[in-house]
Amino acid sequence: MNNKKATPEELLEAISKKLDKILGVLAIQGKDVITQINILHGIGLEWDEIGRYVGLTANAARKRYERKNE
């Protein structure tokens, strides 16, 4: 077991990442799928997570993003 305590900077970084995800999920509500994908990709989520939020597979979400942004 790792007993190392996180530094205040590490805690702030972890909190910031979680808040970004929460705000991103809130921001996609009511938007079309392509806009949802763009928002979630913009906050740095991985394709598998983006796919879960928009109801697609990771590969389908990535392909839609690539097609739209060519």
PDB file of N, CA and C in Angstrom:
ATOM      1  N   MET A   1       0.839  -1.177   0.000  1.00  0.00           N
ATOM      2  CA  MET A   1       0.000   0.000   0.000  1.00  0.00           C
ATOM      3  C   MET A   1       0.883   1.238   0.000  1.00  0.00           C
ATOM      4  N   ASN A   2       0.476   2.235  -0.748  1.00  0.00           N
ATOM      5  CA  ASN A   2       1.236   3.467  -0.857  1.00  0.00           C
ATOM      6  C   ASN A   2       0.763   4.444   0.217  1.00  0.00           C
ATOM      7  N   ASN A   3       1.652   4.812   1.126  1.00  0.00           N
ATOM      8  CA  ASN A   3       1.292   5.725   2.215  1.00  0.00           C
ATOM      9  C   ASN A   3       1.709   7.161   1.935  1.00  0.00           C
ATOM     10  N   LYS A   4       2.185   7.432   0.727  1.00  0.00           N
ATOM     11  CA  LYS A   4       2.615   8.776   0.374  1.00  0.00           C
ATOM     12  C   LYS A   4       1.404   9.703   0.309  1.00  0.00           C
ATOM     13  N   LYS A   5       1.484  10.813   1.002  1.00  0.00           N
ATOM     14  CA  LYS A   5       0.406  11.800   0.962  1.00  0.00           C
ATOM     15  C   LYS A   5       0.606  12.712  -0.243  1.00  0.00           C
ATOM     16  N   ALA A   6      -0.506  13.071  -0.859  1.00  0.00           N
ATOM     17  CA  ALA A   6      -0.459  13.973  -2.004  1.00  0.00           C
ATOM     18  C   ALA A   6      -0.127  15.383  -1.534  1.00  0.00           C
ATOM     19  N   THR A   7       0.626  16.077  -2.371  1.00  0.00           N
ATOM     20  CA  THR A   7       0.935  17.473  -2.065  1.00  0.00           C
ATOM     21  C   THR A   7      -0.299  18.319  -2.350  1.00  0.00           C
ATOM     22  N   PRO A   8      -0.349  19.526  -1.816  1.00  0.00           N
ATOM     23  CA  PRO A   8      -1.488  20.398  -2.120  1.00  0.00           C
ATOM     24  C   PRO A   8      -1.649  20.622  -3.627  1.00  0.00           C
ATOM     25  N   GLU A   9      -0.537  20.737  -4.345  1.00  0.00           N
ATOM     26  CA  GLU A   9      -0.598  20.936  -5.787  1.00  0.00           C
ATOM     27  C   GLU A   9      -1.203  19.715  -6.479  1.00  0.00           C
ATOM     28  N   GLU A  10      -0.851  18.512  -6.031  1.00  0.00           N
ATOM     29  CA  GLU A  10      -1.401  17.290  -6.609  1.00  0.00           C
ATOM     30  C   GLU A  10      -2.903  17.190  -6.336  1.00  0.00           C
ATOM     31  N   LEU A  11      -3.297  17.576  -5.133  1.00  0.00           N
ATOM     32  CA  LEU A  11      -4.723  17.561  -4.804  1.00  0.00           C
ATOM     33  C   LEU A  11      -5.502  18.549  -5.655  1.00  0.00           C
ATOM     34  N   LEU A  12      -4.951  19.740  -5.841  1.00  0.00           N
ATOM     35  CA  LEU A  12      -5.612  20.749  -6.674  1.00  0.00           C
ATOM     36  C   LEU A  12      -5.727  20.280  -8.122  1.00  0.00           C
ATOM     37  N   GLU A  13      -4.697  19.623  -8.623  1.00  0.00           N
ATOM     38  CA  GLU A  13      -4.720  19.104  -9.985  1.00  0.00           C
ATOM     39  C   GLU A  13      -5.807  18.034 -10.136  1.00  0.00           C
ATOM     40  N   ALA A  14      -5.905  17.137  -9.172  1.00  0.00           N
ATOM     41  CA  ALA A  14      -6.919  16.085  -9.209  1.00  0.00           C
ATOM     42  C   ALA A  14      -8.324  16.681  -9.144  1.00  0.00           C
ATOM     43  N   ILE A  15      -8.516  17.656  -8.280  1.00  0.00           N
ATOM     44  CA  ILE A  15      -9.817  18.320  -8.154  1.00  0.00           C
ATOM     45  C   ILE A  15     -10.162  19.050  -9.451  1.00  0.00           C
ATOM     46  N   SER A  16      -9.185  19.717 -10.031  1.00  0.00           N
ATOM     47  CA  SER A  16      -9.398  20.457 -11.265  1.00  0.00           C
ATOM     48  C   SER A  16      -9.830  19.523 -12.396  1.00  0.00           C
ATOM     49  N   LYS A  17      -9.193  18.366 -12.510  1.00  0.00           N
ATOM     50  CA  LYS A  17      -9.558  17.405 -13.548  1.00  0.00           C
ATOM     51  C   LYS A  17     -10.978  16.890 -13.353  1.00  0.00           C
ATOM     52  N   LYS A  18     -11.355  16.637 -12.112  1.00  0.00           N
ATOM     53  CA  LYS A  18     -12.714  16.160 -11.845  1.00  0.00           C
ATOM     54  C   LYS A  18     -13.747  17.246 -12.145  1.00  0.00           C
ATOM     55  N   LEU A  19     -13.435  18.474 -11.786  1.00  0.00           N
ATOM     56  CA  LEU A  19     -14.355  19.575 -12.087  1.00  0.00           C
ATOM     57  C   LEU A  19     -14.501  19.793 -13.586  1.00  0.00           C
ATOM     58  N   ASP A  20     -13.396  19.678 -14.326  1.00  0.00           N
ATOM     59  CA  ASP A  20     -13.458  19.797 -15.778  1.00  0.00           C
ATOM     60  C   ASP A  20     -14.403  18.753 -16.360  1.00  0.00           C
ATOM     61  N   LYS A  21     -14.316  17.528 -15.854  1.00  0.00           N
ATOM     62  CA  LYS A  21     -15.171  16.455 -16.352  1.00  0.00           C
ATOM     63  C   LYS A  21     -16.636  16.746 -16.033  1.00  0.00           C
ATOM     64  N   ILE A  22     -16.907  17.182 -14.813  1.00  0.00           N
ATOM     65  CA  ILE A  22     -18.286  17.501 -14.411  1.00  0.00           C
ATOM     66  C   ILE A  22     -18.847  18.625 -15.279  1.00  0.00           C
ATOM     67  N   LEU A  23     -18.071  19.676 -15.457  1.00  0.00           N
ATOM     68  CA  LEU A  23     -18.536  20.801 -16.271  1.00  0.00           C
ATOM     69  C   LEU A  23     -18.732  20.395 -17.724  1.00  0.00           C
ATOM     70  N   GLY A  24     -17.851  19.546 -18.231  1.00  0.00           N
ATOM     71  CA  GLY A  24     -17.994  19.061 -19.602  1.00  0.00           C
ATOM     72  C   GLY A  24     -19.269  18.268 -19.789  1.00  0.00           C
ATOM     73  N   VAL A  25     -19.561  17.386 -18.845  1.00  0.00           N
ATOM     74  CA  VAL A  25     -20.777  16.577 -18.932  1.00  0.00           C
ATOM     75  C   VAL A  25     -22.015  17.462 -18.851  1.00  0.00           C
ATOM     76  N   LEU A  26     -21.976  18.464 -18.014  1.00  0.00           N
ATOM     77  CA  LEU A  26     -23.098  19.405 -17.940  1.00  0.00           C
ATOM     78  C   LEU A  26     -23.225  20.207 -19.234  1.00  0.00           C
ATOM     79  N   ALA A  27     -22.099  20.578 -19.825  1.00  0.00           N
ATOM     80  CA  ALA A  27     -22.114  21.411 -21.023  1.00  0.00           C
ATOM     81  C   ALA A  27     -22.663  20.687 -22.246  1.00  0.00           C
ATOM     82  N   ILE A  28     -22.595  19.358 -22.277  1.00  0.00           N
ATOM     83  CA  ILE A  28     -23.061  18.637 -23.463  1.00  0.00           C
ATOM     84  C   ILE A  28     -24.556  18.387 -23.481  1.00  0.00           C
ATOM     85  N   GLN A  29     -25.219  18.643 -22.381  1.00  0.00           N
ATOM     86  CA  GLN A  29     -26.656  18.366 -22.293  1.00  0.00           C
ATOM     87  C   GLN A  29     -27.421  19.158 -23.350  1.00  0.00           C
ATOM     88  N   GLY A  30     -28.239  18.445 -24.147  1.00  0.00           N
ATOM     89  CA  GLY A  30     -29.077  19.090 -25.146  1.00  0.00           C
ATOM     90  C   GLY A  30     -28.376  19.447 -26.443  1.00  0.00           C
ATOM     91  N   LYS A  31     -27.112  19.095 -26.570  1.00  0.00           N
ATOM     92  CA  LYS A  31     -26.352  19.412 -27.780  1.00  0.00           C
ATOM     93  C   LYS A  31     -26.350  18.205 -28.714  1.00  0.00           C
ATOM     94  N   ASP A  32     -26.063  18.457 -30.002  1.00  0.00           N
ATOM     95  CA  ASP A  32     -25.966  17.356 -30.942  1.00  0.00           C
ATOM     96  C   ASP A  32     -24.694  16.539 -30.645  1.00  0.00           C
ATOM     97  N   VAL A  33     -24.651  15.326 -31.180  1.00  0.00           N
ATOM     98  CA  VAL A  33     -23.567  14.390 -30.841  1.00  0.00           C
ATOM     99  C   VAL A  33     -22.198  14.935 -31.217  1.00  0.00           C
ATOM    100  N   ILE A  34     -22.071  15.548 -32.372  1.00  0.00           N
ATOM    101  CA  ILE A  34     -20.770  16.072 -32.797  1.00  0.00           C
ATOM    102  C   ILE A  34     -20.286  17.159 -31.834  1.00  0.00           C
ATOM    103  N   THR A  35     -21.175  18.042 -31.429  1.00  0.00           N
ATOM    104  CA  THR A  35     -20.809  19.085 -30.465  1.00  0.00           C
ATOM    105  C   THR A  35     -20.426  18.462 -29.127  1.00  0.00           C
ATOM    106  N   GLN A  36     -21.160  17.445 -28.700  1.00  0.00           N
ATOM    107  CA  GLN A  36     -20.823  16.749 -27.459  1.00  0.00           C
ATOM    108  C   GLN A  36     -19.418  16.161 -27.539  1.00  0.00           C
ATOM    109  N   ILE A  37     -19.130  15.502 -28.653  1.00  0.00           N
ATOM    110  CA  ILE A  37     -17.803  14.892 -28.832  1.00  0.00           C
ATOM    111  C   ILE A  37     -16.723  15.964 -28.793  1.00  0.00           C
ATOM    112  N   ASN A  38     -16.948  17.073 -29.482  1.00  0.00           N
ATOM    113  CA  ASN A  38     -15.955  18.156 -29.499  1.00  0.00           C
ATOM    114  C   ASN A  38     -15.703  18.717 -28.102  1.00  0.00           C
ATOM    115  N   ILE A  39     -16.755  18.907 -27.340  1.00  0.00           N
ATOM    116  CA  ILE A  39     -16.606  19.444 -25.979  1.00  0.00           C
ATOM    117  C   ILE A  39     -15.818  18.474 -25.108  1.00  0.00           C
ATOM    118  N   LEU A  40     -16.212  17.213 -25.125  1.00  0.00           N
ATOM    119  CA  LEU A  40     -15.546  16.220 -24.269  1.00  0.00           C
ATOM    120  C   LEU A  40     -14.108  15.984 -24.695  1.00  0.00           C
ATOM    121  N   HIS A  41     -13.858  16.001 -25.994  1.00  0.00           N
ATOM    122  CA  HIS A  41     -12.479  15.855 -26.471  1.00  0.00           C
ATOM    123  C   HIS A  41     -11.655  17.074 -26.048  1.00  0.00           C
ATOM    124  N   GLY A  42     -12.280  18.240 -26.109  1.00  0.00           N
ATOM    125  CA  GLY A  42     -11.597  19.476 -25.736  1.00  0.00           C
ATOM    126  C   GLY A  42     -11.158  19.527 -24.276  1.00  0.00           C
ATOM    127  N   ILE A  43     -11.876  18.810 -23.403  1.00  0.00           N
ATOM    128  CA  ILE A  43     -11.465  18.803 -21.994  1.00  0.00           C
ATOM    129  C   ILE A  43     -10.531  17.640 -21.692  1.00  0.00           C
ATOM    130  N   GLY A  44     -10.172  16.887 -22.735  1.00  0.00           N
ATOM    131  CA  GLY A  44      -9.134  15.877 -22.566  1.00  0.00           C
ATOM    132  C   GLY A  44      -9.595  14.482 -22.188  1.00  0.00           C
ATOM    133  N   LEU A  45     -10.873  14.174 -22.373  1.00  0.00           N
ATOM    134  CA  LEU A  45     -11.322  12.828 -22.052  1.00  0.00           C
ATOM    135  C   LEU A  45     -10.824  11.844 -23.102  1.00  0.00           C
ATOM    136  N   GLU A  46     -10.648  10.596 -22.691  1.00  0.00           N
ATOM    137  CA  GLU A  46     -10.251   9.530 -23.604  1.00  0.00           C
ATOM    138  C   GLU A  46     -11.454   9.101 -24.426  1.00  0.00           C
ATOM    139  N   TRP A  47     -11.190   8.466 -25.579  1.00  0.00           N
ATOM    140  CA  TRP A  47     -12.271   8.100 -26.487  1.00  0.00           C
ATOM    141  C   TRP A  47     -13.277   7.140 -25.864  1.00  0.00           C
ATOM    142  N   ASP A  48     -12.822   6.206 -25.042  1.00  0.00           N
ATOM    143  CA  ASP A  48     -13.779   5.267 -24.440  1.00  0.00           C
ATOM    144  C   ASP A  48     -14.753   5.987 -23.518  1.00  0.00           C
ATOM    145  N   GLU A  49     -14.251   6.975 -22.803  1.00  0.00           N
ATOM    146  CA  GLU A  49     -15.120   7.747 -21.909  1.00  0.00           C
ATOM    147  C   GLU A  49     -16.059   8.649 -22.709  1.00  0.00           C
ATOM    148  N   ILE A  50     -15.545   9.266 -23.763  1.00  0.00           N
ATOM    149  CA  ILE A  50     -16.392  10.092 -24.625  1.00  0.00           C
ATOM    150  C   ILE A  50     -17.511   9.242 -25.200  1.00  0.00           C
ATOM    151  N   GLY A  51     -17.177   8.063 -25.687  1.00  0.00           N
ATOM    152  CA  GLY A  51     -18.177   7.170 -26.248  1.00  0.00           C
ATOM    153  C   GLY A  51     -19.275   6.826 -25.259  1.00  0.00           C
ATOM    154  N   ARG A  52     -18.890   6.564 -24.019  1.00  0.00           N
ATOM    155  CA  ARG A  52     -19.889   6.245 -22.989  1.00  0.00           C
ATOM    156  C   ARG A  52     -20.858   7.409 -22.775  1.00  0.00           C
ATOM    157  N   TYR A  53     -20.333   8.620 -22.756  1.00  0.00           N
ATOM    158  CA  TYR A  53     -21.191   9.777 -22.505  1.00  0.00           C
ATOM    159  C   TYR A  53     -22.118  10.093 -23.669  1.00  0.00           C
ATOM    160  N   VAL A  54     -21.681   9.816 -24.898  1.00  0.00           N
ATOM    161  CA  VAL A  54     -22.507  10.179 -26.057  1.00  0.00           C
ATOM    162  C   VAL A  54     -23.259   8.983 -26.643  1.00  0.00           C
ATOM    163  N   GLY A  55     -23.082   7.812 -26.069  1.00  0.00           N
ATOM    164  CA  GLY A  55     -23.827   6.631 -26.511  1.00  0.00           C
ATOM    165  C   GLY A  55     -23.263   5.953 -27.740  1.00  0.00           C
ATOM    166  N   LEU A  56     -21.960   6.079 -27.947  1.00  0.00           N
ATOM    167  CA  LEU A  56     -21.285   5.438 -29.069  1.00  0.00           C
ATOM    168  C   LEU A  56     -20.123   4.610 -28.550  1.00  0.00           C
ATOM    169  N   THR A  57     -19.571   3.779 -29.437  1.00  0.00           N
ATOM    170  CA  THR A  57     -18.323   3.110 -29.065  1.00  0.00           C
ATOM    171  C   THR A  57     -17.207   4.141 -29.139  1.00  0.00           C
ATOM    172  N   ALA A  58     -16.082   3.823 -28.530  1.00  0.00           N
ATOM    173  CA  ALA A  58     -14.928   4.727 -28.578  1.00  0.00           C
ATOM    174  C   ALA A  58     -14.504   4.968 -30.019  1.00  0.00           C
ATOM    175  N   ASN A  59     -14.479   3.910 -30.824  1.00  0.00           N
ATOM    176  CA  ASN A  59     -14.053   4.021 -32.206  1.00  0.00           C
ATOM    177  C   ASN A  59     -15.025   4.879 -33.020  1.00  0.00           C
ATOM    178  N   ALA A  60     -16.320   4.699 -32.810  1.00  0.00           N
ATOM    179  CA  ALA A  60     -17.320   5.497 -33.533  1.00  0.00           C
ATOM    180  C   ALA A  60     -17.208   6.979 -33.162  1.00  0.00           C
ATOM    181  N   ALA A  61     -16.992   7.275 -31.901  1.00  0.00           N
ATOM    182  CA  ALA A  61     -16.836   8.669 -31.467  1.00  0.00           C
ATOM    183  C   ALA A  61     -15.599   9.287 -32.104  1.00  0.00           C
ATOM    184  N   ARG A  62     -14.491   8.543 -32.110  1.00  0.00           N
ATOM    185  CA  ARG A  62     -13.250   9.045 -32.705  1.00  0.00           C
ATOM    186  C   ARG A  62     -13.423   9.298 -34.196  1.00  0.00           C
ATOM    187  N   LYS A  63     -14.083   8.371 -34.890  1.00  0.00           N
ATOM    188  CA  LYS A  63     -14.274   8.529 -36.337  1.00  0.00           C
ATOM    189  C   LYS A  63     -15.166   9.720 -36.657  1.00  0.00           C
ATOM    190  N   ARG A  64     -16.206   9.926 -35.887  1.00  0.00           N
ATOM    191  CA  ARG A  64     -17.070  11.097 -36.110  1.00  0.00           C
ATOM    192  C   ARG A  64     -16.286  12.388 -35.886  1.00  0.00           C
ATOM    193  N   TYR A  65     -15.455  12.401 -34.859  1.00  0.00           N
ATOM    194  CA  TYR A  65     -14.633  13.574 -34.581  1.00  0.00           C
ATOM    195  C   TYR A  65     -13.683  13.840 -35.748  1.00  0.00           C
ATOM    196  N   GLU A  66     -13.031  12.791 -36.212  1.00  0.00           N
ATOM    197  CA  GLU A  66     -12.064  12.959 -37.301  1.00  0.00           C
ATOM    198  C   GLU A  66     -12.744  13.409 -38.583  1.00  0.00           C
ATOM    199  N   ARG A  67     -13.912  12.845 -38.911  1.00  0.00           N
ATOM    200  CA  ARG A  67     -14.635  13.241 -40.119  1.00  0.00           C
ATOM    201  C   ARG A  67     -15.068  14.697 -40.061  1.00  0.00           C
ATOM    202  N   LYS A  68     -15.576  15.098 -38.905  1.00  0.00           N
ATOM    203  CA  LYS A  68     -16.089  16.461 -38.742  1.00  0.00           C
ATOM    204  C   LYS A  68     -14.956  17.491 -38.759  1.00  0.00           C
ATOM    205  N   ASN A  69     -13.778  17.108 -38.288  1.00  0.00           N
ATOM    206  CA  ASN A  69     -12.679  18.064 -38.128  1.00  0.00           C
ATOM    207  C   ASN A  69     -11.572  17.890 -39.166  1.00  0.00           C
ATOM    208  N   GLU A  70     -11.905  17.298 -40.312  1.00  0.00           N
ATOM    209  CA  GLU A  70     -10.896  17.156 -41.384  1.00  0.00           C
ATOM    210  C   GLU A  70     -10.713  18.457 -42.109  1.00  0.00           C
TER     211      GLU A  70
END
